[in-house]
Protein backbone atom coordinates (compact mmCIF):
# COMPACT_ATOMS: atom_id res chain seq x y z
CA MET A 1 -14.95 -8.51 -14.52
CA THR A 2 -14.94 -8.11 -10.73
CA ASP A 3 -16.45 -5.12 -8.95
CA LEU A 4 -12.94 -3.72 -8.45
CA GLY A 5 -12.28 -4.20 -12.15
CA ARG A 6 -15.19 -1.86 -12.91
CA LEU A 7 -13.39 1.03 -11.24
CA PRO A 8 -11.61 3.47 -13.58
CA ASP A 9 -8.26 2.37 -15.01
CA LEU A 10 -6.00 5.06 -13.57
CA ALA A 11 -3.17 4.17 -15.97
CA LEU A 12 -5.11 4.14 -19.25
CA ARG A 13 -3.41 6.03 -22.08
CA SER A 14 -6.62 7.78 -23.07
CA TYR A 15 -6.86 9.05 -19.47
CA GLY A 16 -3.38 10.56 -19.68
CA GLY A 17 -1.28 7.61 -18.52
CA SER A 18 2.26 7.15 -19.82
CA VAL A 19 4.89 4.40 -19.71
CA VAL A 20 7.82 6.63 -18.81
CA ALA A 21 10.62 4.07 -18.61
CA ALA A 22 11.43 0.39 -19.12
CA SER A 23 14.49 -1.77 -18.67
CA ASP A 24 14.11 -3.27 -22.15
CA GLU A 25 11.66 -3.38 -25.04
CA SER A 26 13.62 -5.33 -27.63
CA PHE A 27 10.65 -7.23 -29.10
CA ALA A 28 7.61 -5.02 -28.43
CA GLU A 29 7.21 -1.46 -27.19
CA LYS A 30 6.39 -0.56 -23.60
CA GLU A 31 3.61 1.86 -24.63
CA ALA A 32 1.32 -1.06 -25.49
CA LEU A 33 0.88 -1.87 -21.78
CA ILE A 34 -1.70 0.89 -21.25
CA ARG A 35 -3.49 0.98 -24.61
CA PRO A 36 -7.30 1.00 -24.47
CA GLY A 37 -9.08 -2.21 -25.30
CA PRO A 38 -7.98 -5.85 -25.25
CA ALA A 39 -4.77 -6.95 -26.91
CA GLU A 40 -5.06 -8.15 -30.50
CA PHE A 41 -3.11 -10.89 -32.27
CA ARG A 42 -2.53 -11.82 -35.88
CA PRO A 43 -0.57 -15.03 -36.35
CA HIS A 44 2.39 -15.24 -38.69
CA THR A 45 2.95 -11.48 -38.76
CA PHE A 46 6.71 -11.36 -38.47
CA GLY A 47 8.83 -8.23 -38.52
CA ALA A 48 12.53 -7.60 -38.13
CA LYS A 49 12.26 -8.44 -34.40
CA GLY A 50 10.13 -11.57 -34.77
CA GLN A 51 6.39 -12.16 -34.28
CA VAL A 52 4.55 -8.85 -33.81
CA TYR A 53 2.82 -8.67 -30.43
CA ASP A 54 0.31 -6.14 -29.13
CA GLY A 55 2.07 -5.81 -25.79
CA TRP A 56 5.41 -5.21 -24.11
CA GLU A 57 8.06 -7.88 -24.62
CA THR A 58 11.69 -7.95 -23.51
CA ARG A 59 14.63 -10.00 -24.77
CA ARG A 60 15.71 -13.27 -23.15
CA ARG A 61 17.91 -12.42 -20.20
CA ARG A 62 21.35 -14.03 -20.09
CA GLU A 63 22.42 -12.19 -16.94
CA PRO A 64 21.06 -11.85 -13.38
CA GLY A 65 18.22 -9.43 -12.67
CA HIS A 66 14.74 -8.83 -14.04
CA ASP A 67 12.89 -6.47 -16.36
CA TRP A 68 10.57 -3.66 -15.32
CA ALA A 69 8.39 -0.83 -16.65
CA VAL A 70 7.34 2.38 -14.89
CA VAL A 71 3.90 3.87 -15.57
CA ARG A 72 2.88 7.40 -14.59
CA LEU A 73 -0.83 7.28 -13.80
CA GLY A 74 -3.01 9.58 -15.85
CA MET A 75 -5.21 10.00 -12.79
CA PRO A 76 -3.47 9.53 -9.42
CA GLY A 77 -5.45 7.86 -6.69
CA VAL A 78 -5.99 4.89 -4.42
CA ILE A 79 -5.26 1.66 -6.27
CA ARG A 80 -7.77 -1.11 -5.55
CA SER A 81 -6.72 -3.78 -8.03
CA ILE A 82 -4.00 -4.56 -10.55
CA VAL A 83 -4.54 -6.66 -13.67
CA ILE A 84 -1.50 -8.19 -15.37
CA ASP A 85 -2.73 -9.58 -18.68
CA THR A 86 -0.49 -11.96 -20.62
CA ALA A 87 -2.96 -12.30 -23.52
CA TRP A 88 -1.42 -14.11 -26.52
CA PHE A 89 1.91 -14.58 -24.75
CA LYS A 90 1.96 -18.38 -24.49
CA GLY A 91 5.61 -19.42 -24.71
CA ASN A 92 7.20 -16.12 -23.76
CA TYR A 93 5.30 -14.85 -20.71
CA PRO A 94 7.08 -14.07 -17.41
CA PRO A 95 6.75 -16.83 -14.80
CA PHE A 96 6.46 -14.28 -11.99
CA ALA A 97 5.62 -10.60 -11.50
CA SER A 98 5.30 -8.00 -8.76
CA VAL A 99 4.11 -4.39 -8.65
CA GLU A 100 5.36 -1.37 -6.69
CA ALA A 101 3.92 2.13 -6.38
CA CYS A 102 5.05 5.57 -5.26
CA ALA A 103 3.81 9.15 -5.03
CA ALA A 104 5.64 12.03 -6.72
CA ASP A 105 5.05 15.29 -8.53
CA ALA A 106 4.17 14.96 -12.20
CA GLY A 107 7.35 16.77 -13.16
CA CYS A 108 9.66 14.14 -11.66
CA SER A 109 11.78 12.19 -14.10
CA PRO A 110 11.82 8.38 -13.82
CA ASP A 111 15.22 8.36 -12.11
CA GLU A 112 13.96 10.82 -9.47
CA LEU A 113 11.17 8.53 -8.26
CA THR A 114 11.69 7.26 -4.71
CA GLY A 115 9.73 5.71 -1.86
CA TRP A 116 8.54 2.65 -3.76
CA ALA A 117 6.12 0.42 -1.83
CA GLU A 118 5.24 -3.12 -2.87
CA ILE A 119 1.50 -3.34 -3.52
CA VAL A 120 1.46 -6.73 -5.29
CA PRO A 121 4.02 -9.22 -3.90
CA ARG A 122 5.82 -11.59 -6.25
CA ALA A 123 3.15 -13.87 -7.76
CA PRO A 124 3.16 -16.64 -10.37
CA LEU A 125 1.76 -15.92 -13.82
CA LYS A 126 0.25 -18.07 -16.55
CA GLY A 127 0.35 -17.55 -20.27
CA ASP A 128 -2.55 -15.95 -22.16
CA THR A 129 -4.31 -15.06 -18.90
CA ALA A 130 -5.61 -11.91 -17.17
CA HIS A 131 -4.43 -12.03 -13.55
CA GLU A 132 -6.21 -9.73 -11.08
CA PHE A 133 -4.64 -8.83 -7.74
CA GLU A 134 -6.48 -6.92 -5.00
CA VAL A 135 -4.46 -4.09 -3.42
CA ALA A 136 -4.81 -3.38 0.29
CA ASP A 137 -2.69 -0.21 0.53
CA ARG A 138 -4.99 2.82 0.75
CA ARG A 139 -2.41 5.52 0.11
CA ARG A 140 -2.58 7.84 -2.91
CA PHE A 141 -0.11 6.89 -5.63
CA THR A 142 1.00 8.57 -8.86
CA HIS A 143 3.29 5.91 -10.40
CA VAL A 144 3.48 2.13 -10.56
CA ARG A 145 6.36 -0.14 -11.49
CA LEU A 146 5.66 -3.55 -13.02
CA ASN A 147 8.44 -6.05 -12.38
CA ILE A 148 8.55 -9.18 -14.53
CA LEU A 149 10.77 -12.00 -13.30
CA PRO A 150 13.00 -12.48 -15.11
CA ASP A 151 11.80 -11.42 -18.61
CA GLY A 152 9.09 -12.01 -21.22
CA GLY A 153 5.93 -10.33 -22.42
CA VAL A 154 2.84 -8.69 -20.91
CA ALA A 155 -0.02 -7.48 -23.09
CA ARG A 156 -1.80 -5.06 -20.78
CA LEU A 157 -1.41 -3.56 -17.31
CA ARG A 158 -4.61 -2.26 -15.73
CA VAL A 159 -4.56 -0.16 -12.56
CA HIS A 160 -8.12 0.09 -11.25
CA GLY A 161 -8.85 2.48 -8.42
CA GLU A 162 -10.43 5.60 -7.02
CA VAL A 163 -9.24 8.96 -8.31
CA VAL A 164 -7.79 11.28 -5.66
CA PRO A 165 -7.00 14.61 -7.33
CA ASP A 166 -4.53 17.21 -6.10
CA PRO A 167 -6.75 19.63 -4.10
CA ARG A 168 -4.50 22.56 -5.05
CA PHE A 169 -6.12 22.53 -8.49
CA LEU A 170 -9.72 22.33 -7.30
CA SER A 171 -10.30 24.71 -4.41
CA GLY A 172 -11.45 28.21 -5.30
CA LEU A 173 -11.70 27.49 -9.02
CA THR A 174 -14.48 26.77 -11.47
CA VAL A 175 -14.03 23.08 -12.22
CA ASP A 176 -15.71 20.18 -13.95
CA LEU A 177 -17.40 18.51 -11.00
CA ALA A 178 -18.16 15.47 -13.18
CA ALA A 179 -14.60 14.89 -14.40
CA LEU A 180 -13.10 11.51 -13.69
CA GLU A 181 -9.71 13.14 -13.21
CA ASN A 182 -11.18 15.39 -10.48
CA GLY A 183 -12.51 12.44 -8.52
CA ALA A 184 -16.02 12.01 -9.93
CA VAL A 185 -17.20 8.48 -10.68
CA VAL A 186 -20.31 6.68 -11.91
CA VAL A 187 -21.80 4.84 -8.92
CA ALA A 188 -24.87 3.32 -10.60
CA CYS A 189 -26.00 2.65 -14.14
CA SER A 190 -28.98 1.00 -15.80
CA ASP A 191 -27.03 -0.55 -18.68
CA GLU A 192 -23.45 -0.76 -19.96
CA PHE A 193 -23.89 -3.26 -22.76
CA TYR A 194 -21.50 -1.68 -25.25
CA SER A 195 -19.15 0.40 -23.12
CA SER A 196 -18.39 1.62 -19.61
CA PRO A 197 -20.46 4.53 -18.26
CA ASN A 198 -17.30 6.03 -16.73
CA ASN A 199 -16.26 6.87 -20.30
CA VAL A 200 -18.57 9.88 -20.22
CA LEU A 201 -16.42 11.39 -17.45
CA ALA A 202 -13.09 10.77 -19.20
CA PRO A 203 -10.61 13.52 -20.10
CA GLY A 204 -10.54 14.93 -23.62
CA GLN A 205 -12.92 14.32 -26.48
CA ALA A 206 -14.19 10.91 -27.53
CA ARG A 207 -12.63 9.82 -30.83
CA ASN A 208 -15.30 7.23 -31.63
CA GLN A 209 -18.41 5.57 -30.23
CA ALA A 210 -16.38 3.10 -28.17
CA GLU A 211 -14.92 5.95 -26.10
CA GLY A 212 -18.34 7.02 -24.86
CA TRP A 213 -21.17 5.24 -23.04
CA GLU A 214 -23.68 3.26 -25.09
CA THR A 215 -26.56 1.05 -23.97
CA ALA A 216 -28.43 -1.80 -25.61
CA ARG A 217 -31.68 -1.07 -27.44
CA ARG A 218 -34.58 -0.88 -25.00
CA ARG A 219 -37.79 -2.78 -25.74
CA ASP A 220 -39.55 -2.40 -22.39
CA GLY A 221 -40.85 1.18 -22.45
CA GLY A 222 -38.36 2.42 -19.84
CA ASN A 223 -35.26 4.58 -20.15
CA ASP A 224 -31.57 4.32 -19.35
CA TRP A 225 -29.73 6.33 -16.70
CA LEU A 226 -26.58 6.70 -14.65
CA ILE A 227 -25.69 8.37 -11.35
CA VAL A 228 -22.46 10.33 -10.89
CA ALA A 229 -20.83 11.01 -7.53
CA LEU A 230 -19.31 14.44 -8.11
CA ALA A 231 -15.80 15.55 -7.19
CA GLY A 232 -17.32 17.16 -4.09
CA ALA A 233 -20.32 19.10 -2.87
CA GLY A 234 -20.83 22.08 -5.12
CA THR A 235 -23.06 24.07 -7.41
CA VAL A 236 -23.32 23.56 -11.16
CA ALA A 237 -23.51 26.51 -13.56
CA VAL A 238 -23.09 24.84 -16.96
CA ALA A 239 -23.99 21.35 -18.17
CA GLU A 240 -22.57 19.87 -21.35
CA LEU A 241 -24.13 16.78 -22.92
CA ASP A 242 -22.00 15.63 -25.84
CA THR A 243 -23.34 13.12 -28.39
CA SER A 244 -20.28 13.35 -30.68
CA ASN A 245 -19.81 10.28 -32.92
CA LEU A 246 -23.31 9.02 -32.09
CA LEU A 247 -24.98 9.51 -35.47
CA PHE A 248 -27.83 6.99 -35.35
CA ASN A 249 -27.88 5.99 -31.69
CA ALA A 250 -27.99 9.26 -29.77
CA PRO A 251 -30.79 9.58 -27.19
CA GLY A 252 -33.86 11.49 -28.26
CA SER A 253 -33.74 13.57 -25.08
CA ALA A 254 -32.10 13.76 -21.67
CA ALA A 255 -32.63 15.18 -18.19
CA LEU A 256 -30.49 15.88 -15.13
CA THR A 257 -31.54 15.69 -11.49
CA GLY A 258 -29.44 16.26 -8.40
CA ILE A 259 -29.26 15.46 -4.70
CA ASP A 260 -27.22 16.56 -1.72
CA ALA A 261 -26.25 13.22 -0.19
CA ARG A 262 -24.98 14.99 2.94
CA ALA A 263 -28.59 15.60 3.89
CA ALA A 264 -30.50 12.73 2.29
CA ALA A 265 -29.99 9.16 1.09
CA LEU A 266 -29.74 8.46 -2.62
CA GLU A 267 -32.74 6.15 -2.26
CA ASP A 268 -34.93 9.06 -1.11
CA GLU A 269 -36.75 9.90 -4.34
CA ASP A 270 -38.30 13.04 -2.84
CA ALA A 271 -34.85 14.55 -2.17
CA TRP A 272 -33.89 14.66 -5.85
CA PHE A 273 -34.47 17.96 -7.63
CA THR A 274 -34.40 19.11 -11.26
CA VAL A 275 -31.08 20.39 -12.59
CA LEU A 276 -31.93 20.27 -16.31
CA PRO A 277 -35.48 19.42 -17.38
CA ARG A 278 -36.01 16.83 -20.10
CA THR A 279 -34.51 18.38 -23.21
CA ARG A 280 -34.30 17.25 -26.82
CA LEU A 281 -30.85 16.18 -28.07
CA GLN A 282 -29.32 16.07 -31.54
CA PRO A 283 -26.93 13.43 -32.86
CA ASP A 284 -23.19 14.15 -33.05
CA THR A 285 -23.53 17.46 -31.16
CA ARG A 286 -22.02 19.12 -28.09
CA HIS A 287 -25.01 20.59 -26.22
CA ARG A 288 -24.26 23.28 -23.61
CA PHE A 289 -26.86 24.52 -21.13
CA ARG A 290 -26.60 27.43 -18.73
CA LEU A 291 -28.22 26.48 -15.42
CA ASP A 292 -29.97 28.88 -13.07
CA GLY A 293 -30.02 26.71 -9.98
CA ASP A 294 -27.67 27.38 -7.06
CA ARG A 295 -28.67 24.44 -4.85
CA PRO A 296 -25.73 22.41 -3.55
CA LEU A 297 -25.47 18.84 -4.74
CA THR A 298 -23.13 15.88 -4.40
CA HIS A 299 -24.63 13.54 -7.00
CA VAL A 300 -26.26 13.96 -10.40
CA ARG A 301 -28.51 11.53 -12.21
CA LEU A 302 -28.48 11.58 -16.00
CA ASP A 303 -31.57 10.09 -17.67
CA ILE A 304 -31.50 9.43 -21.42
CA PHE A 305 -34.70 8.67 -23.29
CA PRO A 306 -35.19 5.95 -24.18
CA ASP A 307 -31.68 4.58 -24.75
CA GLY A 308 -28.56 5.21 -26.81
CA GLY A 309 -25.29 6.78 -25.86
CA LEU A 310 -23.37 9.82 -24.75
CA ALA A 311 -19.77 10.74 -25.49
CA ARG A 312 -19.15 13.08 -22.54
CA LEU A 313 -20.94 14.69 -19.60
CA ARG A 314 -19.44 17.93 -18.24
CA LEU A 315 -20.78 19.77 -15.17
CA LEU A 316 -18.92 23.03 -14.66
CA GLY A 317 -19.30 24.66 -11.29
CA SER A 318 -17.72 25.44 -7.94
CA LEU A 319 -16.81 23.32 -4.96
CA LEU A 320 -18.29 24.32 -1.63
CA GLY A 321 -15.48 22.72 0.35
CA ASP A 322 -12.86 20.04 0.00
CA PRO A 323 -13.29 17.22 -2.54
CA LEU A 324 -15.20 14.19 -1.26
């Protein structure tokens, strides 16, 4: 995975993404494009439409044109890379693909979307391969359209980028400053052996261990940690540390520290201050802590002792200005 591929997948279904339209889905449904996890395959599993594929597959075209699918991003933002994954499609993958993007209100229907801009020019594809394309356009987008030329199957579409929330829903309100959908992101992490640390900032509740953050077992006497760049400079009133689904691998305890990066560098250890002192945690529990501090901060460091996992981290507070 490249550095760009480690950015949040703005289109992921579990982050609120939706495949809102497609030209055709005769063999396999369009919704599979944005499912979490890699595509699966079981040979010789035939249904009424042929071999069952974990992906989107269109019929063989006998007329001019090409097939396409439109995805509404669960978290609008600046797209940094696109991954078109043809996993398991070996004799039925599209030979070429391109990607367009646009910005629109969430309430727009697919046929109302306009202003499409090409962000990935027509490019050749291979079968059973994850193709990554860097995107140079730095505008905020809400929808993408995958064009396959002329037809075939794609297992997954990943849209990695930086969340840019609508500021109308942040200013003047109590918000989750650590929410991925509000623009927060994990910028450093000690270990991500089992799952991505950005999972702890994801919308909704984790349904299983894989939808949280989990580290390898430590044998060196240290502890695991991550650093979150918040949605903007603000103050935090309530912290929630959720160990749901972590029955035998929850951390024994955790602590939170903060820093105002407008005034000090993240590397300045003396500039970090206590937000939540080291506190014991229970397995499979949503822990909520009322915080007394009113110091502004832009980043929070979560330390777990010594290792383990966390389903979600919520930091409820108020912005002191515009999002970062």
